[in-house]
């Protein structure tokens, strides 16, 4: 599904100093996999996540998405591919405070560059019903619980019917019970909907949900 081939991410600090956030690393995530990327703070796992999520470009190496080399695409093409191919879930939820639950879920569809083959609002309402958020459609993020906010974030990630969900510390702001519920939800999406899931975490208990674990240490995939 997505392959990082000998990628490097570096930053020029001054004329003589270069900082390597990610040293030469290769990673492959296959269709329908559930992968956990684990590493301590500062290990380079967030940099790896940004590259997998097409949020950044490598300094060296190649990113290949379903056979397409990203280096051959312009910024608009990469942005369009990212919006349609990957659904993002973040630790901070990243919901828009002035938008309702329904409006937050629909947000990615407003930026779609191709005609969708379904009614986004109808799909959103179906997801809300399926994942237990009935009655919250017109609520604002500050009026619902943290667990409900993360569910809204997951539904927002699903609205474009992505091939992959990339979740960055998805339980980091939740209590253990709610965190387990969110991880079980992601597990269900992988097993029943066959959506590829990649989570980034520093918690071993969360990483265990992955059927394969990618370890990152000192800026390198080990």
C-alpha atoms as a PDB file:
ATOM      1  CA  UNK A   1       0.000   0.000   0.000  1.00  0.00           C
ATOM      2  CA  UNK A   2       2.691   2.482   1.011  1.00  0.00           C
ATOM      3  CA  UNK A   3       6.437   2.064   0.949  1.00  0.00           C
ATOM      4  CA  UNK A   4       9.243   4.266   2.231  1.00  0.00           C
ATOM      5  CA  UNK A   5      12.453   3.324   0.465  1.00  0.00           C
ATOM      6  CA  UNK A   6      15.667   4.459   2.173  1.00  0.00           C
ATOM      7  CA  UNK A   7      14.117   7.724   3.320  1.00  0.00           C
ATOM      8  CA  UNK A   8      16.046  10.383   5.215  1.00  0.00           C
ATOM      9  CA  UNK A   9      14.713  13.565   6.815  1.00  0.00           C
ATOM     10  CA  UNK A  10      17.321  16.160   7.675  1.00  0.00           C
ATOM     11  CA  UNK A  11      17.396  19.839   8.569  1.00  0.00           C
ATOM     12  CA  UNK A  12      20.256  22.257   7.942  1.00  0.00           C
ATOM     13  CA  UNK A  13      20.964  24.057  11.221  1.00  0.00           C
ATOM     14  CA  UNK A  14      23.925  26.107   9.948  1.00  0.00           C
ATOM     15  CA  UNK A  15      26.681  25.862   7.363  1.00  0.00           C
ATOM     16  CA  UNK A  16      28.423  23.072   9.220  1.00  0.00           C
ATOM     17  CA  UNK A  17      25.628  21.300  11.098  1.00  0.00           C
ATOM     18  CA  UNK A  18      22.843  19.053   9.812  1.00  0.00           C
ATOM     19  CA  UNK A  19      20.273  17.466  12.115  1.00  0.00           C
ATOM     20  CA  UNK A  20      18.927  14.077  11.061  1.00  0.00           C
ATOM     21  CA  UNK A  21      15.378  13.627  12.383  1.00  0.00           C
ATOM     22  CA  UNK A  22      15.165  10.316  10.526  1.00  0.00           C
ATOM     23  CA  UNK A  23      18.205   8.407   9.290  1.00  0.00           C
ATOM     24  CA  UNK A  24      18.058   6.093   6.293  1.00  0.00           C
ATOM     25  CA  UNK A  25      15.041   3.875   6.892  1.00  0.00           C
ATOM     26  CA  UNK A  26      12.776   1.646   4.846  1.00  0.00           C
ATOM     27  CA  UNK A  27       9.215   0.776   5.844  1.00  0.00           C
ATOM     28  CA  UNK A  28       6.419  -1.018   4.032  1.00  0.00           C
ATOM     29  CA  UNK A  29       2.773  -1.068   5.122  1.00  0.00           C
ATOM     30  CA  UNK A  30       0.596  -3.576   3.332  1.00  0.00           C
ATOM     31  CA  UNK A  31      -3.058  -3.389   2.409  1.00  0.00           C
ATOM     32  CA  UNK A  32      -5.426  -4.240   5.330  1.00  0.00           C
ATOM     33  CA  UNK A  33      -2.611  -4.387   7.892  1.00  0.00           C
ATOM     34  CA  UNK A  34      -2.803  -3.088  11.468  1.00  0.00           C
ATOM     35  CA  UNK A  35       0.648  -1.675  12.214  1.00  0.00           C
ATOM     36  CA  UNK A  36       1.961  -0.021  15.369  1.00  0.00           C
ATOM     37  CA  UNK A  37       4.895   2.397  15.232  1.00  0.00           C
ATOM     38  CA  UNK A  38       6.462   2.673  18.677  1.00  0.00           C
ATOM     39  CA  UNK A  39       9.353   4.612  20.104  1.00  0.00           C
ATOM     40  CA  UNK A  40      10.247   7.002  22.938  1.00  0.00           C
ATOM     41  CA  UNK A  41       9.924  10.772  22.688  1.00  0.00           C
ATOM     42  CA  UNK A  42      12.487  12.152  20.259  1.00  0.00           C
ATOM     43  CA  UNK A  43      13.028   8.795  18.551  1.00  0.00           C
ATOM     44  CA  UNK A  44      11.881   9.986  15.142  1.00  0.00           C
ATOM     45  CA  UNK A  45       8.514   8.238  15.113  1.00  0.00           C
ATOM     46  CA  UNK A  46       6.603  11.501  14.578  1.00  0.00           C
ATOM     47  CA  UNK A  47       8.841  12.339  11.618  1.00  0.00           C
ATOM     48  CA  UNK A  48       8.168   8.865  10.231  1.00  0.00           C
ATOM     49  CA  UNK A  49       4.429   9.416  10.725  1.00  0.00           C
ATOM     50  CA  UNK A  50       4.548  12.727   8.827  1.00  0.00           C
ATOM     51  CA  UNK A  51       6.276  11.010   5.924  1.00  0.00           C
ATOM     52  CA  UNK A  52       3.848   8.087   5.852  1.00  0.00           C
ATOM     53  CA  UNK A  53       0.964  10.569   6.022  1.00  0.00           C
ATOM     54  CA  UNK A  54       2.387  12.605   3.105  1.00  0.00           C
ATOM     55  CA  UNK A  55       2.504  15.632   5.396  1.00  0.00           C
ATOM     56  CA  UNK A  56       6.184  16.087   4.647  1.00  0.00           C
ATOM     57  CA  UNK A  57       8.675  15.155   1.940  1.00  0.00           C
ATOM     58  CA  UNK A  58      11.886  13.189   2.551  1.00  0.00           C
ATOM     59  CA  UNK A  59      15.279  14.829   2.127  1.00  0.00           C
ATOM     60  CA  UNK A  60      16.434  11.623   0.460  1.00  0.00           C
ATOM     61  CA  UNK A  61      14.786   8.392  -0.601  1.00  0.00           C
ATOM     62  CA  UNK A  62      11.416   7.672  -2.111  1.00  0.00           C
ATOM     63  CA  UNK A  63       7.821   7.355  -0.919  1.00  0.00           C
ATOM     64  CA  UNK A  64       5.663   5.092  -3.063  1.00  0.00           C
ATOM     65  CA  UNK A  65       1.876   4.958  -2.645  1.00  0.00           C
ATOM     66  CA  UNK A  66       0.131   2.106  -4.451  1.00  0.00           C
ATOM     67  CA  UNK A  67       2.889   2.065  -7.044  1.00  0.00           C
ATOM     68  CA  UNK A  68       3.050   5.862  -7.505  1.00  0.00           C
ATOM     69  CA  UNK A  69       6.253   7.689  -6.635  1.00  0.00           C
ATOM     70  CA  UNK A  70       5.446  10.836  -4.649  1.00  0.00           C
ATOM     71  CA  UNK A  71       8.506  12.596  -6.076  1.00  0.00           C
ATOM     72  CA  UNK A  72       6.714  12.698  -9.419  1.00  0.00           C
ATOM     73  CA  UNK A  73       3.690  14.580  -8.039  1.00  0.00           C
ATOM     74  CA  UNK A  74       3.253  18.300  -7.444  1.00  0.00           C
ATOM     75  CA  UNK A  75       1.987  19.753  -4.161  1.00  0.00           C
ATOM     76  CA  UNK A  76      -1.653  19.881  -5.311  1.00  0.00           C
ATOM     77  CA  UNK A  77      -1.540  16.256  -6.438  1.00  0.00           C
ATOM     78  CA  UNK A  78       0.008  15.158  -3.135  1.00  0.00           C
ATOM     79  CA  UNK A  79      -2.607  17.126  -1.185  1.00  0.00           C
ATOM     80  CA  UNK A  80      -5.418  15.521  -3.181  1.00  0.00           C
ATOM     81  CA  UNK A  81      -3.949  12.029  -2.730  1.00  0.00           C
ATOM     82  CA  UNK A  82      -3.539  12.596   1.002  1.00  0.00           C
ATOM     83  CA  UNK A  83      -7.145  13.787   1.402  1.00  0.00           C
ATOM     84  CA  UNK A  84      -8.559  10.780  -0.433  1.00  0.00           C
ATOM     85  CA  UNK A  85      -6.092   8.083   0.627  1.00  0.00           C
ATOM     86  CA  UNK A  86      -5.471   8.748   4.333  1.00  0.00           C
ATOM     87  CA  UNK A  87      -7.740   9.579   7.257  1.00  0.00           C
ATOM     88  CA  UNK A  88      -5.981  11.212  10.212  1.00  0.00           C
ATOM     89  CA  UNK A  89      -6.727  10.824  13.934  1.00  0.00           C
ATOM     90  CA  UNK A  90      -4.746  12.977  16.373  1.00  0.00           C
ATOM     91  CA  UNK A  91      -4.109  12.931  20.114  1.00  0.00           C
ATOM     92  CA  UNK A  92      -5.598  16.431  20.506  1.00  0.00           C
ATOM     93  CA  UNK A  93      -8.708  15.495  18.447  1.00  0.00           C
ATOM     94  CA  UNK A  94      -8.216  18.683  16.360  1.00  0.00           C
ATOM     95  CA  UNK A  95     -11.931  19.361  16.065  1.00  0.00           C
ATOM     96  CA  UNK A  96     -13.068  22.836  15.005  1.00  0.00           C
ATOM     97  CA  UNK A  97     -14.727  24.426  18.094  1.00  0.00           C
ATOM     98  CA  UNK A  98     -17.215  26.523  16.102  1.00  0.00           C
ATOM     99  CA  UNK A  99     -18.441  23.559  14.056  1.00  0.00           C
ATOM    100  CA  UNK A 100     -20.986  21.004  15.234  1.00  0.00           C
ATOM    101  CA  UNK A 101     -20.279  17.271  15.436  1.00  0.00           C
ATOM    102  CA  UNK A 102     -21.892  16.742  12.027  1.00  0.00           C
ATOM    103  CA  UNK A 103     -20.035  19.668  10.459  1.00  0.00           C
ATOM    104  CA  UNK A 104     -16.688  18.449  11.835  1.00  0.00           C
ATOM    105  CA  UNK A 105     -17.256  14.993  10.369  1.00  0.00           C
ATOM    106  CA  UNK A 106     -18.172  16.475   6.982  1.00  0.00           C
ATOM    107  CA  UNK A 107     -15.190  18.844   6.862  1.00  0.00           C
ATOM    108  CA  UNK A 108     -12.849  16.737   4.646  1.00  0.00           C
ATOM    109  CA  UNK A 109     -15.614  16.315   2.048  1.00  0.00           C
ATOM    110  CA  UNK A 110     -15.726  20.093   1.579  1.00  0.00           C
ATOM    111  CA  UNK A 111     -12.177  19.909   0.192  1.00  0.00           C
ATOM    112  CA  UNK A 112     -12.744  16.937  -2.113  1.00  0.00           C
ATOM    113  CA  UNK A 113     -11.299  17.566  -5.570  1.00  0.00           C
ATOM    114  CA  UNK A 114     -13.312  14.838  -7.226  1.00  0.00           C
ATOM    115  CA  UNK A 115     -17.020  14.149  -7.353  1.00  0.00           C
ATOM    116  CA  UNK A 116     -17.947  11.756  -4.556  1.00  0.00           C
ATOM    117  CA  UNK A 117     -20.045   8.737  -5.447  1.00  0.00           C
ATOM    118  CA  UNK A 118     -22.134   9.094  -2.307  1.00  0.00           C
ATOM    119  CA  UNK A 119     -23.922  11.772  -0.308  1.00  0.00           C
ATOM    120  CA  UNK A 120     -21.440  12.843   2.424  1.00  0.00           C
ATOM    121  CA  UNK A 121     -24.185  14.028   4.790  1.00  0.00           C
ATOM    122  CA  UNK A 122     -26.094  10.777   4.447  1.00  0.00           C
ATOM    123  CA  UNK A 123     -22.883   8.826   5.062  1.00  0.00           C
ATOM    124  CA  UNK A 124     -22.008  10.996   8.086  1.00  0.00           C
ATOM    125  CA  UNK A 125     -25.425  10.458   9.656  1.00  0.00           C
ATOM    126  CA  UNK A 126     -25.046   6.720   9.095  1.00  0.00           C
ATOM    127  CA  UNK A 127     -21.643   6.718  10.801  1.00  0.00           C
ATOM    128  CA  UNK A 128     -23.011   8.764  13.713  1.00  0.00           C
ATOM    129  CA  UNK A 129     -25.762   6.213  14.240  1.00  0.00           C
ATOM    130  CA  UNK A 130     -23.444   3.225  13.861  1.00  0.00           C
ATOM    131  CA  UNK A 131     -20.870   4.487  16.355  1.00  0.00           C
ATOM    132  CA  UNK A 132     -23.225   5.623  19.068  1.00  0.00           C
ATOM    133  CA  UNK A 133     -23.297   9.388  18.656  1.00  0.00           C
ATOM    134  CA  UNK A 134     -27.009   9.780  17.932  1.00  0.00           C
ATOM    135  CA  UNK A 135     -28.379  12.986  19.359  1.00  0.00           C
ATOM    136  CA  UNK A 136     -24.983  14.686  19.249  1.00  0.00           C
ATOM    137  CA  UNK A 137     -25.185  15.839  15.629  1.00  0.00           C
ATOM    138  CA  UNK A 138     -25.749  19.504  16.541  1.00  0.00           C
ATOM    139  CA  UNK A 139     -23.545  19.510  19.651  1.00  0.00           C
ATOM    140  CA  UNK A 140     -20.277  21.427  19.730  1.00  0.00           C
ATOM    141  CA  UNK A 141     -16.975  19.733  20.715  1.00  0.00           C
ATOM    142  CA  UNK A 142     -16.829  21.394  24.148  1.00  0.00           C
ATOM    143  CA  UNK A 143     -20.220  19.887  25.009  1.00  0.00           C
ATOM    144  CA  UNK A 144     -19.222  16.243  24.553  1.00  0.00           C
ATOM    145  CA  UNK A 145     -16.755  13.972  26.376  1.00  0.00           C
ATOM    146  CA  UNK A 146     -13.157  13.285  25.329  1.00  0.00           C
ATOM    147  CA  UNK A 147     -14.082   9.794  24.164  1.00  0.00           C
ATOM    148  CA  UNK A 148     -16.940  11.185  22.082  1.00  0.00           C
ATOM    149  CA  UNK A 149     -14.630  13.808  20.609  1.00  0.00           C
ATOM    150  CA  UNK A 150     -12.185  11.104  19.533  1.00  0.00           C
ATOM    151  CA  UNK A 151     -15.053   9.146  17.961  1.00  0.00           C
ATOM    152  CA  UNK A 152     -15.999  12.268  16.015  1.00  0.00           C
ATOM    153  CA  UNK A 153     -12.356  12.541  14.894  1.00  0.00           C
ATOM    154  CA  UNK A 154     -12.422   8.910  13.703  1.00  0.00           C
ATOM    155  CA  UNK A 155     -15.682   9.474  11.813  1.00  0.00           C
ATOM    156  CA  UNK A 156     -14.163  12.579  10.226  1.00  0.00           C
ATOM    157  CA  UNK A 157     -11.274  10.346   9.127  1.00  0.00           C
ATOM    158  CA  UNK A 158     -13.742   7.854   7.630  1.00  0.00           C
ATOM    159  CA  UNK A 159     -15.933  10.278   5.680  1.00  0.00           C
ATOM    160  CA  UNK A 160     -13.737  10.161   2.559  1.00  0.00           C
ATOM    161  CA  UNK A 161     -13.624   6.329   2.665  1.00  0.00           C
ATOM    162  CA  UNK A 162      -9.822   6.271   3.021  1.00  0.00           C
ATOM    163  CA  UNK A 163      -7.632   3.262   2.338  1.00  0.00           C
ATOM    164  CA  UNK A 164      -5.715   3.898   5.560  1.00  0.00           C
ATOM    165  CA  UNK A 165      -6.226   5.548   8.938  1.00  0.00           C
ATOM    166  CA  UNK A 166      -3.111   7.048  10.490  1.00  0.00           C
ATOM    167  CA  UNK A 167      -3.567   7.653  14.222  1.00  0.00           C
ATOM    168  CA  UNK A 168      -1.064   9.661  16.266  1.00  0.00           C
ATOM    169  CA  UNK A 169      -1.253   8.758  19.990  1.00  0.00           C
ATOM    170  CA  UNK A 170      -5.045   8.217  19.633  1.00  0.00           C
ATOM    171  CA  UNK A 171      -5.514   7.421  23.338  1.00  0.00           C
ATOM    172  CA  UNK A 172      -3.056   9.965  24.745  1.00  0.00           C
ATOM    173  CA  UNK A 173      -5.740  12.316  26.123  1.00  0.00           C
ATOM    174  CA  UNK A 174      -8.144   9.614  27.291  1.00  0.00           C
ATOM    175  CA  UNK A 175      -8.555   7.558  30.443  1.00  0.00           C
ATOM    176  CA  UNK A 176      -7.668   3.864  30.176  1.00  0.00           C
ATOM    177  CA  UNK A 177     -11.283   2.636  29.806  1.00  0.00           C
ATOM    178  CA  UNK A 178     -12.109   5.126  27.053  1.00  0.00           C
ATOM    179  CA  UNK A 179      -8.743   4.492  25.420  1.00  0.00           C
ATOM    180  CA  UNK A 180      -9.520   0.780  25.237  1.00  0.00           C
ATOM    181  CA  UNK A 181     -12.883   1.557  23.611  1.00  0.00           C
ATOM    182  CA  UNK A 182     -11.171   3.682  20.956  1.00  0.00           C
ATOM    183  CA  UNK A 183      -8.580   0.988  20.234  1.00  0.00           C
ATOM    184  CA  UNK A 184     -11.312  -1.643  19.951  1.00  0.00           C
ATOM    185  CA  UNK A 185     -13.082   0.636  17.482  1.00  0.00           C
ATOM    186  CA  UNK A 186      -9.940   0.901  15.351  1.00  0.00           C
ATOM    187  CA  UNK A 187      -9.505  -2.877  15.588  1.00  0.00           C
ATOM    188  CA  UNK A 188     -13.065  -3.363  14.353  1.00  0.00           C
ATOM    189  CA  UNK A 189     -12.495  -1.010  11.404  1.00  0.00           C
ATOM    190  CA  UNK A 190      -9.446  -3.060  10.457  1.00  0.00           C
ATOM    191  CA  UNK A 191     -11.039  -6.492  10.840  1.00  0.00           C
ATOM    192  CA  UNK A 192     -14.522  -5.771   9.504  1.00  0.00           C
ATOM    193  CA  UNK A 193     -14.046  -2.849   7.117  1.00  0.00           C
ATOM    194  CA  UNK A 194     -10.569  -4.030   6.016  1.00  0.00           C
ATOM    195  CA  UNK A 195      -9.170  -0.509   6.473  1.00  0.00           C
ATOM    196  CA  UNK A 196      -5.415  -0.364   6.926  1.00  0.00           C
ATOM    197  CA  UNK A 197      -4.570   1.065  10.362  1.00  0.00           C
ATOM    198  CA  UNK A 198      -1.240   2.574  11.389  1.00  0.00           C
ATOM    199  CA  UNK A 199      -0.926   3.942  14.917  1.00  0.00           C
ATOM    200  CA  UNK A 200       1.959   5.894  16.409  1.00  0.00           C
ATOM    201  CA  UNK A 201       2.452   5.457  20.148  1.00  0.00           C
ATOM    202  CA  UNK A 202       4.997   5.298  22.955  1.00  0.00           C
ATOM    203  CA  UNK A 203       2.796   2.921  24.993  1.00  0.00           C
ATOM    204  CA  UNK A 204       3.532  -0.793  24.740  1.00  0.00           C
ATOM    205  CA  UNK A 205      -0.035  -1.762  25.739  1.00  0.00           C
ATOM    206  CA  UNK A 206      -1.442   0.266  22.854  1.00  0.00           C
ATOM    207  CA  UNK A 207       1.187  -0.992  20.407  1.00  0.00           C
ATOM    208  CA  UNK A 208       0.068  -4.582  21.125  1.00  0.00           C
ATOM    209  CA  UNK A 209      -3.116  -3.947  19.128  1.00  0.00           C
ATOM    210  CA  UNK A 210      -0.967  -3.945  16.006  1.00  0.00           C
ATOM    211  CA  UNK A 211      -0.409  -7.230  14.224  1.00  0.00           C
ATOM    212  CA  UNK A 212       3.070  -5.933  13.426  1.00  0.00           C
ATOM    213  CA  UNK A 213       5.181  -3.507  15.445  1.00  0.00           C
ATOM    214  CA  UNK A 214       7.711  -1.119  13.902  1.00  0.00           C
ATOM    215  CA  UNK A 215      10.282   0.130  16.412  1.00  0.00           C
ATOM    216  CA  UNK A 216      11.924   3.528  15.976  1.00  0.00           C
ATOM    217  CA  UNK A 217      14.998   4.460  17.997  1.00  0.00           C
ATOM    218  CA  UNK A 218      17.545   7.269  17.684  1.00  0.00           C
ATOM    219  CA  UNK A 219      16.125   8.391  14.350  1.00  0.00           C
ATOM    220  CA  UNK A 220      16.145   4.997  12.713  1.00  0.00           C
ATOM    221  CA  UNK A 221      13.705   2.146  12.113  1.00  0.00           C
ATOM    222  CA  UNK A 222      15.175  -0.810  13.993  1.00  0.00           C
END
